[in-house]
C-alpha atoms as a PDB file:
ATOM      1  CA  MET A   1      29.283  59.516   4.404  1.00  0.00           C
ATOM      2  CA  THR A   2      27.810  58.762   7.956  1.00  0.00           C
ATOM      3  CA  ARG A   3      25.767  55.594   8.146  1.00  0.00           C
ATOM      4  CA  GLU A   4      22.433  55.761  10.185  1.00  0.00           C
ATOM      5  CA  ILE A   5      22.267  53.489  12.965  1.00  0.00           C
ATOM      6  CA  ILE A   6      19.863  50.626  12.392  1.00  0.00           C
ATOM      7  CA  LEU A   7      18.962  49.834  16.092  1.00  0.00           C
ATOM      8  CA  PRO A   8      20.450  52.777  18.410  1.00  0.00           C
ATOM      9  CA  GLY A   9      19.438  50.725  21.630  1.00  0.00           C
ATOM     10  CA  PHE A  10      21.156  47.491  21.042  1.00  0.00           C
ATOM     11  CA  SER A  11      24.286  49.335  19.554  1.00  0.00           C
ATOM     12  CA  ALA A  12      24.697  51.146  23.167  1.00  0.00           C
ATOM     13  CA  LYS A  13      23.832  48.044  25.109  1.00  0.00           C
ATOM     14  CA  LEU A  14      26.212  45.885  23.256  1.00  0.00           C
ATOM     15  CA  LYS A  15      29.031  48.434  23.687  1.00  0.00           C
ATOM     16  CA  GLU A  16      28.067  48.783  27.561  1.00  0.00           C
ATOM     17  CA  LEU A  17      28.224  45.115  28.232  1.00  0.00           C
ATOM     18  CA  ARG A  18      31.432  44.672  26.303  1.00  0.00           C
ATOM     19  CA  LYS A  19      33.137  47.305  28.083  1.00  0.00           C
ATOM     20  CA  ALA A  20      31.788  46.389  31.775  1.00  0.00           C
ATOM     21  CA  ARG A  21      33.524  43.001  31.123  1.00  0.00           C
ATOM     22  CA  ASN A  22      36.779  44.555  29.805  1.00  0.00           C
ATOM     23  CA  LEU A  23      36.466  42.850  26.232  1.00  0.00           C
ATOM     24  CA  THR A  24      37.740  44.202  23.173  1.00  0.00           C
ATOM     25  CA  GLN A  25      35.928  44.220  19.812  1.00  0.00           C
ATOM     26  CA  LYS A  26      38.681  41.662  18.786  1.00  0.00           C
ATOM     27  CA  ASN A  27      37.669  39.516  21.756  1.00  0.00           C
ATOM     28  CA  MET A  28      33.760  39.620  20.882  1.00  0.00           C
ATOM     29  CA  ALA A  29      34.899  39.054  17.054  1.00  0.00           C
ATOM     30  CA  GLU A  30      36.541  35.926  18.457  1.00  0.00           C
ATOM     31  CA  LEU A  31      33.405  34.905  19.846  1.00  0.00           C
ATOM     32  CA  LEU A  32      31.417  35.148  16.967  1.00  0.00           C
ATOM     33  CA  GLN A  33      33.978  33.720  14.365  1.00  0.00           C
ATOM     34  CA  CYS A  34      33.905  36.832  12.320  1.00  0.00           C
ATOM     35  CA  THR A  35      36.060  39.742  11.528  1.00  0.00           C
ATOM     36  CA  VAL A  36      36.884  42.718  13.812  1.00  0.00           C
ATOM     37  CA  ARG A  37      35.429  44.810  10.876  1.00  0.00           C
ATOM     38  CA  TYR A  38      32.344  43.042  10.903  1.00  0.00           C
ATOM     39  CA  TYR A  39      32.068  43.008  14.913  1.00  0.00           C
ATOM     40  CA  GLN A  40      32.296  46.712  14.508  1.00  0.00           C
ATOM     41  CA  MET A  41      29.856  47.027  12.056  1.00  0.00           C
ATOM     42  CA  ILE A  42      27.478  45.259  14.814  1.00  0.00           C
ATOM     43  CA  GLU A  43      28.302  47.293  17.382  1.00  0.00           C
ATOM     44  CA  TYR A  44      28.254  50.356  15.545  1.00  0.00           C
ATOM     45  CA  GLY A  45      24.407  49.650  14.476  1.00  0.00           C
ATOM     46  CA  GLN A  46      25.105  49.546  10.718  1.00  0.00           C
ATOM     47  CA  ILE A  47      23.913  46.240   9.969  1.00  0.00           C
ATOM     48  CA  ASN A  48      21.161  43.894  11.303  1.00  0.00           C
ATOM     49  CA  ILE A  49      22.411  40.584  12.874  1.00  0.00           C
ATOM     50  CA  PRO A  50      20.850  36.955  12.563  1.00  0.00           C
ATOM     51  CA  VAL A  51      18.935  36.043  15.463  1.00  0.00           C
ATOM     52  CA  SER A  52      21.221  33.035  16.069  1.00  0.00           C
ATOM     53  CA  THR A  53      24.150  35.956  16.629  1.00  0.00           C
ATOM     54  CA  LEU A  54      21.760  37.826  19.063  1.00  0.00           C
ATOM     55  CA  LEU A  55      20.772  34.828  21.084  1.00  0.00           C
ATOM     56  CA  ILE A  56      25.074  33.899  21.194  1.00  0.00           C
ATOM     57  CA  LEU A  57      25.172  37.401  22.650  1.00  0.00           C
ATOM     58  CA  ALA A  58      22.264  37.270  24.954  1.00  0.00           C
ATOM     59  CA  ASN A  59      23.673  34.173  26.576  1.00  0.00           C
ATOM     60  CA  TYR A  60      26.906  34.933  26.763  1.00  0.00           C
ATOM     61  CA  PHE A  61      26.328  38.106  28.677  1.00  0.00           C
ATOM     62  CA  GLY A  62      23.432  36.559  30.572  1.00  0.00           C
ATOM     63  CA  VAL A  63      20.946  38.994  29.643  1.00  0.00           C
ATOM     64  CA  SER A  64      17.639  38.871  27.884  1.00  0.00           C
ATOM     65  CA  THR A  65      17.323  39.460  24.282  1.00  0.00           C
ATOM     66  CA  ASP A  66      14.820  42.478  24.751  1.00  0.00           C
ATOM     67  CA  CYS A  67      17.494  43.889  27.293  1.00  0.00           C
ATOM     68  CA  LEU A  68      20.442  43.743  24.480  1.00  0.00           C
ATOM     69  CA  LEU A  69      17.970  45.153  22.069  1.00  0.00           C
ATOM     70  CA  GLY A  70      17.360  47.945  24.652  1.00  0.00           C
ATOM     71  CA  LEU A  71      13.764  47.374  24.831  1.00  0.00           C
ATOM     72  CA  THR A  72      14.058  47.064  28.507  1.00  0.00           C
ATOM     73  CA  GLY A  73      16.209  48.164  31.467  1.00  0.00           C
ATOM     74  CA  SER A  74      16.103  45.255  33.012  1.00  0.00           C
ATOM     75  CA  MET A  75      19.474  43.354  32.532  1.00  0.00           C
ATOM     76  CA  ALA A  76      17.983  39.954  34.281  1.00  0.00           C
ATOM     77  CA  LYS A  77      17.257  37.066  32.024  1.00  0.00           C
ATOM     78  CA  GLU A  78      14.028  35.491  32.335  1.00  0.00           C
ATOM     79  CA  GLU A  79      14.036  31.664  32.935  1.00  0.00           C
END
């Protein structure tokens, strides 16, 4: 059974940012203090994440939440 991707823009951007830093899914799971499987579900767009997790990821990668969600192409974080 294939699950629908909930936030395809977020899923793609998260994977892009992770790979650009040569990080593994295990590295990301450690950052978020979750299991690798749970992180995979986040990256595959299978679950919604809490706002606090979204903020952690945006701050870690130095991008805006809009960028992370795929709502804007800009990687710049607004101050």
